Amino acid sequence: MSLYDTPRASRLHIAIYGKRNAGKSSLINALTGQDIALVSDSPGTTTDPVYKSMELHPIGPVVFIDTAGFDDEGELGELRVRRTEEVAAKTDIAIIVIEKSEAEKSSWKYEKHWCKLLSSQGIPLIFVINKCDDPEDINKKFLWEEKVKAFAGDVPVIRVSAAGKTGLDELKAAIERSVPEDFLRQKILGDMIGEDGLALLVMPQDIQAPKGRLILPQVQTLRELLDRKCTAVSTTADGFERALLSLNRAPDLIITDSQCFRQIYEKKPQESALTSFSVLFAAYKGDIDIFAEGASQLDNMTEKSKVLIAEACTHVPLSEDIGREKIPNLLRKKFGKNLKVVNVCGNDFPDTDKLKEFDLVIHCGACMFNRRHVLSRIAEAKAAGVPITNYGIVLAKLMGILDKIQIPQ
């Protein structure tokens, strides 16, 4: 990702599903006007899901996910289908592709199954009948719509020729209409600060922030402040008091690294609201009310409790790592050294049965995940009956200032 790119986690995720050789990769290439997905007449060319960030007019920045055929066979085929199933957790819009001749003769067994799987998770669906190169195909559209409506309800059914590049404008319009209602309205800062406000950002440059770089939540928050025409002043934790003295008034909002919550809270002006980057991203990427409620589970835990700490990043653990060192140490200091902590990272996350073994799930700010992915994890925790919360919320709770910080709504 270059300095000028929209981060993948902030892009609309459009996943393409269908049988092998339905033309999924060809459809992505036709939509983007580039050969970004490998195309072959041999079934099963696409193995693991392929992610490609693109600009799709008029929608804007998107990620296309090219998946393996959901009718794949054999031992390896089953693994590929499992990878395809995992993509659903990240999918904002699903396009199910069926090749024209298959649409006419097949029972739509796989399409029905995947329609049920995706729609049960609230994912908007679009059906594409591909390889419609015959002008007479227009007469069959009504029949295909009726067939889809019988099991999928009122969802768009679009005739497309990926090879002939026809039907693409209609498909793009269907994608635009299917964008989740809250996707474009989501803001990192919510209504915490208005235009022309003054914000002070406390950004420790520790081992977690590679030399010469800011971490993604800091960059995105700073950009949004500038978009709001706010004045944004940055400092480190040890320069906080000097930064305050350099200002001609108290900041409207102070945003800190969660690990500095107590230090900054004790020194901040009374009139300045205080939050953290992790708390902001808990609201931006997930459900802040559920995370805040989940933190109350800390009042019920004992030395025999079991905690799952989930991190979106897959970096090699570093000394003083917040998820693997600092939070576990704080929890064991409060509840006892025998409290059990399990760490997972990246796409690893226990299924419902395994989740039931835990008393609490603590998730990172998830700057590397899209919102849909975080909400799917919240839903999984809810299905398992396990409270889920966030790094920043937990740190504020353990420091005794959760009721003193501002939580975006």
Protein backbone atom coordinates (compact mmCIF):
# COMPACT_ATOMS: atom_id res chain seq x y z
CA MET A 1 0.00 0.00 0.00
CA SER A 2 1.43 3.40 -0.94
CA LEU A 3 1.13 6.58 1.09
CA TYR A 4 -1.74 7.70 -1.14
CA ASP A 5 -3.81 4.52 -1.09
CA THR A 6 -6.96 3.93 0.93
CA PRO A 7 -6.12 1.17 3.46
CA ARG A 8 -7.61 -2.20 2.51
CA ALA A 9 -9.49 -2.36 5.82
CA SER A 10 -11.39 0.84 4.90
CA ARG A 11 -12.44 -0.40 1.45
CA LEU A 12 -15.73 -2.02 0.47
CA HIS A 13 -15.12 -5.79 0.28
CA ILE A 14 -16.83 -7.43 -2.71
CA ALA A 15 -16.48 -11.22 -2.84
CA ILE A 16 -17.16 -13.22 -6.00
CA TYR A 17 -18.60 -16.71 -5.42
CA GLY A 18 -19.58 -19.46 -7.83
CA LYS A 19 -18.76 -22.88 -9.22
CA ARG A 20 -15.45 -23.64 -10.89
CA ASN A 21 -15.25 -22.16 -14.38
CA ALA A 22 -18.32 -19.95 -13.89
CA GLY A 23 -16.23 -16.98 -14.97
CA LYS A 24 -15.55 -15.37 -11.59
CA SER A 25 -12.01 -14.26 -12.43
CA SER A 26 -13.06 -13.06 -15.88
CA LEU A 27 -15.83 -11.00 -14.26
CA ILE A 28 -13.37 -9.25 -11.93
CA ASN A 29 -11.07 -8.48 -14.87
CA ALA A 30 -14.01 -7.09 -16.87
CA LEU A 31 -15.27 -4.94 -13.98
CA THR A 32 -11.86 -3.42 -13.28
CA GLY A 33 -10.67 -3.22 -16.90
CA GLN A 34 -7.45 -4.98 -15.87
CA ASP A 35 -6.14 -8.54 -15.91
CA ILE A 36 -5.82 -8.79 -12.14
CA ALA A 37 -7.18 -12.34 -11.74
CA LEU A 38 -5.75 -15.44 -13.42
CA VAL A 39 -8.14 -16.82 -16.07
CA SER A 40 -8.08 -20.35 -17.46
CA ASP A 41 -10.47 -22.82 -19.09
CA SER A 42 -9.32 -25.42 -16.58
CA PRO A 43 -11.64 -25.68 -13.57
CA GLY A 44 -10.08 -24.89 -10.21
CA THR A 45 -7.50 -22.33 -11.38
CA THR A 46 -8.23 -20.09 -8.37
CA THR A 47 -7.14 -21.87 -5.20
CA ASP A 48 -6.86 -19.68 -2.09
CA PRO A 49 -8.91 -16.45 -2.10
CA VAL A 50 -7.16 -13.64 -3.97
CA TYR A 51 -7.55 -10.05 -2.70
CA LYS A 52 -7.11 -7.10 -5.03
CA SER A 53 -7.58 -3.45 -4.07
CA MET A 54 -9.05 -1.33 -6.87
CA GLU A 55 -10.98 1.84 -7.61
CA LEU A 56 -14.43 0.97 -8.98
CA HIS A 57 -16.35 3.89 -10.46
CA PRO A 58 -18.72 5.19 -9.13
CA ILE A 59 -18.39 3.25 -5.84
CA GLY A 60 -14.80 4.26 -5.02
CA PRO A 61 -12.08 2.19 -3.30
CA VAL A 62 -12.98 -1.51 -3.10
CA VAL A 63 -11.37 -4.89 -2.52
CA PHE A 64 -12.37 -7.68 -4.88
CA ILE A 65 -12.05 -11.19 -3.43
CA ASP A 66 -11.75 -13.93 -6.04
CA THR A 67 -12.69 -17.23 -4.38
CA ALA A 68 -12.19 -20.86 -5.29
CA GLY A 69 -15.14 -22.68 -6.82
CA PHE A 70 -17.61 -23.72 -4.14
CA ASP A 71 -18.12 -27.05 -5.95
CA ASP A 72 -14.44 -28.00 -5.66
CA GLU A 73 -13.77 -31.68 -4.98
CA GLY A 74 -11.27 -33.95 -3.26
CA GLU A 75 -9.20 -33.38 -0.15
CA LEU A 76 -7.57 -30.21 -1.47
CA GLY A 77 -10.90 -29.05 -2.85
CA GLU A 78 -12.47 -29.29 0.60
CA LEU A 79 -9.68 -27.09 2.01
CA ARG A 80 -10.29 -24.53 -0.74
CA VAL A 81 -14.02 -24.48 -0.03
CA ARG A 82 -13.24 -23.97 3.65
CA ARG A 83 -11.10 -20.96 2.72
CA THR A 84 -14.00 -19.66 0.64
CA GLU A 85 -16.34 -20.05 3.64
CA GLU A 86 -13.94 -17.97 5.76
CA VAL A 87 -14.21 -15.10 3.27
CA ALA A 88 -17.85 -14.57 4.28
CA ALA A 89 -16.70 -12.99 7.55
CA LYS A 90 -15.09 -10.17 5.54
CA THR A 91 -17.69 -9.78 2.78
CA ASP A 92 -19.66 -6.53 2.52
CA ILE A 93 -21.36 -7.52 -0.77
CA ALA A 94 -21.50 -11.01 -2.30
CA ILE A 95 -21.80 -11.66 -6.03
CA ILE A 96 -22.83 -15.22 -6.91
CA VAL A 97 -21.87 -16.07 -10.48
CA ILE A 98 -23.51 -18.85 -12.50
CA GLU A 99 -22.61 -19.67 -16.08
CA LYS A 100 -25.54 -19.37 -18.53
CA SER A 101 -25.69 -23.02 -19.60
CA GLU A 102 -25.56 -24.09 -15.94
CA ALA A 103 -28.36 -21.65 -15.11
CA GLU A 104 -30.55 -23.38 -17.68
CA LYS A 105 -29.90 -26.99 -16.76
CA SER A 106 -28.67 -27.25 -13.16
CA SER A 107 -30.68 -27.57 -9.97
CA TRP A 108 -28.81 -24.57 -8.46
CA LYS A 109 -27.97 -26.80 -5.49
CA TYR A 110 -24.72 -25.02 -4.61
CA GLU A 111 -26.10 -21.55 -5.30
CA LYS A 112 -29.05 -22.20 -2.97
CA HIS A 113 -26.74 -23.40 -0.19
CA TRP A 114 -24.43 -20.39 -0.48
CA CYS A 115 -27.33 -17.99 -0.78
CA LYS A 116 -28.62 -19.29 2.55
CA LEU A 117 -25.16 -19.18 4.17
CA LEU A 118 -24.43 -15.60 3.07
CA SER A 119 -27.90 -14.10 3.57
CA SER A 120 -28.09 -15.58 7.09
CA GLN A 121 -25.16 -13.30 7.93
CA GLY A 122 -26.94 -10.24 6.54
CA ILE A 123 -24.69 -9.93 3.49
CA PRO A 124 -26.33 -8.24 0.46
CA LEU A 125 -26.48 -10.60 -2.55
CA ILE A 126 -26.28 -10.05 -6.30
CA PHE A 127 -26.72 -12.89 -8.80
CA VAL A 128 -24.85 -12.69 -12.10
CA ILE A 129 -25.70 -14.91 -15.06
CA ASN A 130 -22.40 -14.92 -16.94
CA LYS A 131 -21.47 -15.69 -20.57
CA CYS A 132 -24.67 -14.12 -21.91
CA ASP A 133 -23.25 -13.40 -25.37
CA ASP A 134 -26.41 -14.19 -27.37
CA PRO A 135 -28.83 -11.25 -27.93
CA GLU A 136 -31.65 -13.73 -27.31
CA ASP A 137 -30.50 -14.10 -23.70
CA ILE A 138 -32.48 -10.99 -22.82
CA ASN A 139 -35.65 -13.02 -23.25
CA LYS A 140 -34.52 -15.49 -20.58
CA LYS A 141 -33.87 -12.86 -17.90
CA PHE A 142 -37.38 -13.06 -16.48
CA LEU A 143 -37.10 -16.87 -16.11
CA TRP A 144 -33.78 -16.54 -14.29
CA GLU A 145 -35.18 -13.84 -12.01
CA GLU A 146 -38.13 -16.05 -11.11
CA LYS A 147 -35.81 -18.99 -10.40
CA VAL A 148 -33.63 -16.90 -8.08
CA LYS A 149 -36.62 -15.26 -6.40
CA ALA A 150 -37.97 -18.69 -5.43
CA PHE A 151 -35.08 -19.29 -3.02
CA ALA A 152 -33.34 -15.93 -2.56
CA GLY A 153 -36.17 -13.41 -2.50
CA ASP A 154 -36.00 -10.06 -4.23
CA VAL A 155 -32.29 -9.77 -5.07
CA PRO A 156 -30.73 -8.32 -8.24
CA VAL A 157 -30.20 -10.74 -11.14
CA ILE A 158 -27.88 -9.29 -13.80
CA ARG A 159 -27.06 -10.70 -17.25
CA VAL A 160 -23.38 -10.22 -18.05
CA SER A 161 -20.85 -11.17 -20.68
CA ALA A 162 -17.44 -10.83 -19.08
CA ALA A 163 -15.82 -11.60 -22.43
CA GLY A 164 -18.01 -9.16 -24.38
CA LYS A 165 -18.02 -6.63 -21.51
CA THR A 166 -21.81 -6.23 -21.60
CA GLY A 167 -24.06 -5.80 -18.58
CA LEU A 168 -21.21 -4.31 -16.52
CA ASP A 169 -22.82 -0.90 -16.02
CA GLU A 170 -25.98 -2.57 -14.72
CA LEU A 171 -23.87 -4.70 -12.37
CA LYS A 172 -21.96 -1.65 -11.07
CA ALA A 173 -25.28 0.10 -10.42
CA ALA A 174 -26.50 -2.97 -8.49
CA ILE A 175 -23.29 -2.94 -6.42
CA GLU A 176 -23.76 0.76 -5.66
CA ARG A 177 -27.36 0.14 -4.49
CA SER A 178 -26.20 -2.78 -2.32
CA VAL A 179 -23.59 -0.88 -0.29
CA PRO A 180 -24.50 -1.41 3.40
CA GLU A 181 -26.39 1.58 4.76
CA ASP A 182 -23.84 2.56 7.39
CA PHE A 183 -20.69 1.87 5.33
CA LEU A 184 -20.11 5.34 3.90
CA ARG A 185 -21.41 7.19 6.96
CA GLN A 186 -19.01 5.56 9.37
CA LYS A 187 -16.53 8.04 10.87
CA ILE A 188 -13.66 7.37 13.24
CA LEU A 189 -14.36 10.37 15.45
CA GLY A 190 -18.17 10.27 15.35
CA ASP A 191 -19.43 13.55 16.81
CA MET A 192 -16.62 13.89 19.36
CA ILE A 193 -15.17 17.02 17.77
CA GLY A 194 -16.58 19.52 15.32
CA GLU A 195 -15.04 21.63 12.60
CA ASP A 196 -12.29 24.02 13.71
CA GLY A 197 -11.80 22.06 16.94
CA LEU A 198 -8.44 21.64 18.66
CA ALA A 199 -7.17 18.08 19.16
CA LEU A 200 -4.03 16.92 20.94
CA LEU A 201 -2.74 13.49 19.87
CA VAL A 202 -0.45 11.59 22.25
CA MET A 203 1.47 9.12 20.10
CA PRO A 204 4.24 7.19 21.86
CA GLN A 205 6.86 5.94 19.40
CA ASP A 206 7.67 2.67 21.11
CA ILE A 207 8.72 -0.71 19.80
CA GLN A 208 5.23 -1.25 18.31
CA ALA A 209 5.70 1.71 15.93
CA PRO A 210 8.52 0.94 13.45
CA LYS A 211 11.14 3.63 13.10
CA GLY A 212 10.15 6.40 10.68
CA ARG A 213 6.46 5.45 10.63
CA LEU A 214 3.20 6.09 12.41
CA ILE A 215 0.82 3.22 13.01
CA LEU A 216 -2.33 3.10 10.88
CA PRO A 217 -4.90 4.28 13.49
CA GLN A 218 -2.81 7.41 14.13
CA VAL A 219 -2.56 8.19 10.41
CA GLN A 220 -6.27 7.67 9.73
CA THR A 221 -7.36 9.67 12.78
CA LEU A 222 -5.05 12.53 11.87
CA ARG A 223 -6.39 12.58 8.31
CA GLU A 224 -9.99 12.74 9.53
CA LEU A 225 -9.16 15.62 11.87
CA LEU A 226 -7.64 17.54 8.97
CA ASP A 227 -10.68 16.77 6.80
CA ARG A 228 -12.79 18.39 9.54
CA LYS A 229 -10.55 21.48 9.40
CA CYS A 230 -9.45 20.85 12.97
CA THR A 231 -6.11 21.90 14.38
CA ALA A 232 -4.25 18.71 15.28
CA VAL A 233 -1.18 18.86 17.52
CA SER A 234 0.91 15.72 18.04
CA THR A 235 3.21 14.83 20.90
CA THR A 236 4.61 11.87 22.80
CA ALA A 237 3.65 10.89 26.34
CA ASP A 238 6.73 12.47 27.88
CA GLY A 239 6.12 15.68 25.92
CA PHE A 240 2.44 15.96 26.89
CA GLU A 241 2.81 18.73 29.47
CA ARG A 242 5.09 20.78 27.19
CA ALA A 243 2.54 20.44 24.40
CA LEU A 244 -0.24 21.72 26.68
CA LEU A 245 1.84 24.74 27.65
CA SER A 246 2.45 25.59 23.99
CA LEU A 247 -1.29 25.88 23.29
CA ASN A 248 -3.28 29.06 23.87
CA ARG A 249 -6.25 27.08 25.21
CA ALA A 250 -7.17 23.61 26.43
CA PRO A 251 -7.73 21.03 23.69
CA ASP A 252 -11.33 20.06 22.92
CA LEU A 253 -10.23 16.45 22.59
CA ILE A 254 -7.15 14.49 23.67
CA ILE A 255 -6.53 11.19 21.90
CA THR A 256 -3.89 8.98 23.47
CA ASP A 257 -2.41 5.55 23.18
CA SER A 258 -4.45 3.40 25.58
CA GLN A 259 -1.35 2.34 27.50
CA CYS A 260 -0.91 5.97 28.62
CA PHE A 261 -4.51 6.45 29.78
CA ARG A 262 -3.77 6.91 33.48
CA GLN A 263 -0.74 9.15 32.92
CA ILE A 264 -2.61 11.46 30.53
CA TYR A 265 -5.84 11.47 32.56
CA GLU A 266 -4.01 12.70 35.66
CA LYS A 267 -2.39 15.62 33.77
CA LYS A 268 -5.09 16.68 31.31
CA PRO A 269 -7.14 19.88 31.66
CA GLN A 270 -10.51 19.19 33.27
CA GLU A 271 -12.45 20.63 30.33
CA SER A 272 -10.70 18.43 27.71
CA ALA A 273 -12.41 15.19 26.66
CA LEU A 274 -10.16 12.11 26.69
CA THR A 275 -10.25 8.98 24.53
CA SER A 276 -7.77 6.63 22.84
CA PHE A 277 -7.03 5.39 19.35
CA SER A 278 -8.08 1.88 20.33
CA VAL A 279 -11.41 3.09 21.74
CA LEU A 280 -12.04 5.12 18.57
CA PHE A 281 -11.40 2.07 16.41
CA ALA A 282 -13.55 -0.11 18.65
CA ALA A 283 -16.47 2.11 17.61
CA TYR A 284 -15.30 2.60 14.01
CA LYS A 285 -14.82 -1.10 13.30
CA GLY A 286 -17.22 -2.77 15.73
CA ASP A 287 -20.01 -2.15 18.23
CA ILE A 288 -18.80 0.14 21.01
CA ASP A 289 -21.80 -0.54 23.25
CA ILE A 290 -21.18 -4.29 23.18
CA PHE A 291 -17.46 -3.73 23.87
CA ALA A 292 -18.23 -1.42 26.81
CA GLU A 293 -20.75 -3.91 28.21
CA GLY A 294 -18.25 -6.75 27.74
CA ALA A 295 -15.72 -4.98 29.95
CA SER A 296 -18.08 -5.37 32.89
CA GLN A 297 -17.17 -9.07 32.85
CA LEU A 298 -13.92 -8.02 34.50
CA ASP A 299 -15.95 -7.50 37.68
CA ASN A 300 -16.81 -11.21 37.73
CA MET A 301 -13.49 -12.84 36.91
CA THR A 302 -11.28 -14.93 39.17
CA GLU A 303 -7.93 -16.69 39.02
CA LYS A 304 -9.73 -19.63 37.37
CA SER A 305 -11.02 -17.55 34.47
CA LYS A 306 -9.91 -18.06 30.86
CA VAL A 307 -9.40 -15.13 28.48
CA LEU A 308 -8.99 -15.08 24.70
CA ILE A 309 -6.96 -12.17 23.29
CA ALA A 310 -7.48 -11.72 19.54
CA GLU A 311 -5.21 -9.56 17.43
CA ALA A 312 -5.81 -8.67 13.77
CA CYS A 313 -2.11 -8.23 12.96
CA THR A 314 0.17 -11.19 12.33
CA HIS A 315 3.47 -9.54 13.28
CA VAL A 316 6.13 -11.47 15.17
CA PRO A 317 5.49 -10.87 18.90
CA LEU A 318 7.78 -8.20 20.31
CA SER A 319 8.94 -7.55 23.84
CA GLU A 320 6.34 -5.55 25.80
CA ASP A 321 3.70 -6.50 23.22
CA ILE A 322 0.37 -5.10 24.40
CA GLY A 323 -1.67 -8.21 23.61
CA ARG A 324 0.85 -10.86 24.59
CA GLU A 325 2.61 -9.15 27.49
CA LYS A 326 1.03 -6.00 28.93
CA ILE A 327 -2.68 -6.92 29.08
CA PRO A 328 -2.02 -10.51 30.30
CA ASN A 329 0.30 -9.17 33.01
CA LEU A 330 -2.30 -6.61 34.14
CA LEU A 331 -4.99 -9.30 34.25
CA ARG A 332 -2.82 -11.71 36.25
CA LYS A 333 -1.82 -8.91 38.62
CA LYS A 334 -5.50 -8.24 39.32
CA PHE A 335 -6.93 -11.77 39.31
CA GLY A 336 -3.99 -14.05 40.11
CA LYS A 337 -1.06 -15.62 38.30
CA ASN A 338 -3.00 -18.75 37.34
CA LEU A 339 -5.51 -16.90 35.15
CA LYS A 340 -5.27 -18.51 31.70
CA VAL A 341 -4.73 -16.34 28.61
CA VAL A 342 -4.84 -17.66 25.03
CA ASN A 343 -3.62 -15.50 22.13
CA VAL A 344 -4.70 -15.76 18.49
CA CYS A 345 -3.81 -13.51 15.58
CA GLY A 346 -4.78 -12.79 11.99
CA ASN A 347 -7.63 -14.92 10.69
CA ASP A 348 -7.32 -17.47 13.48
CA PHE A 349 -10.40 -17.37 15.70
CA PRO A 350 -12.07 -20.25 17.57
CA ASP A 351 -15.40 -21.64 16.39
CA THR A 352 -18.51 -21.37 18.56
CA ASP A 353 -17.84 -24.55 20.56
CA LYS A 354 -14.26 -23.53 21.36
CA LEU A 355 -15.32 -19.98 22.23
CA LYS A 356 -17.61 -21.34 24.94
CA GLU A 357 -14.49 -22.35 26.89
CA PHE A 358 -13.64 -18.68 27.53
CA ASP A 359 -14.99 -16.19 30.06
CA LEU A 360 -14.04 -13.11 28.01
CA VAL A 361 -12.75 -12.18 24.55
CA ILE A 362 -10.52 -9.09 24.28
CA HIS A 363 -10.03 -7.85 20.71
CA CYS A 364 -7.50 -5.36 19.42
CA GLY A 365 -8.52 -2.15 17.62
CA ALA A 366 -8.62 -4.19 14.38
CA CYS A 367 -7.14 -1.49 12.15
CA MET A 368 -6.20 -4.28 9.69
CA PHE A 369 -9.75 -5.72 9.50
CA ASN A 370 -12.75 -4.26 7.75
CA ARG A 371 -15.80 -3.49 9.88
CA ARG A 372 -17.73 -6.47 8.55
CA HIS A 373 -15.00 -8.81 9.81
CA VAL A 374 -15.07 -7.37 13.34
CA LEU A 375 -18.88 -7.47 13.48
CA SER A 376 -18.78 -11.13 12.44
CA ARG A 377 -16.51 -11.88 15.41
CA ILE A 378 -18.85 -10.02 17.73
CA ALA A 379 -21.71 -12.16 16.37
CA GLU A 380 -19.68 -15.34 16.94
CA ALA A 381 -18.94 -14.35 20.54
CA LYS A 382 -22.62 -13.55 21.09
CA ALA A 383 -23.64 -16.94 19.66
CA ALA A 384 -21.24 -18.60 22.11
CA GLY A 385 -22.59 -16.54 25.02
CA VAL A 386 -19.17 -15.00 25.74
CA PRO A 387 -18.69 -11.26 26.47
CA ILE A 388 -16.34 -9.48 24.06
CA THR A 389 -14.48 -6.21 24.56
CA ASN A 390 -11.53 -4.21 23.22
CA TYR A 391 -7.94 -3.41 24.23
CA GLY A 392 -8.56 0.28 24.96
CA ILE A 393 -11.79 -0.34 26.88
CA VAL A 394 -10.09 -3.02 29.01
CA LEU A 395 -7.10 -0.82 29.80
CA ALA A 396 -9.37 2.04 30.86
CA LYS A 397 -11.38 -0.34 33.03
CA LEU A 398 -8.27 -1.85 34.67
CA MET A 399 -6.93 1.67 35.33
CA GLY A 400 -10.23 2.68 36.94
CA ILE A 401 -11.07 5.47 34.50
CA LEU A 402 -13.53 3.86 32.07
CA ASP A 403 -16.29 6.18 33.30
CA LYS A 404 -13.96 9.17 32.82
CA ILE A 405 -13.13 8.69 29.14
CA GLN A 406 -15.26 9.64 26.17
CA ILE A 407 -16.74 6.81 24.11
CA PRO A 408 -17.84 7.70 20.56
CA GLN A 409 -21.48 7.13 19.67
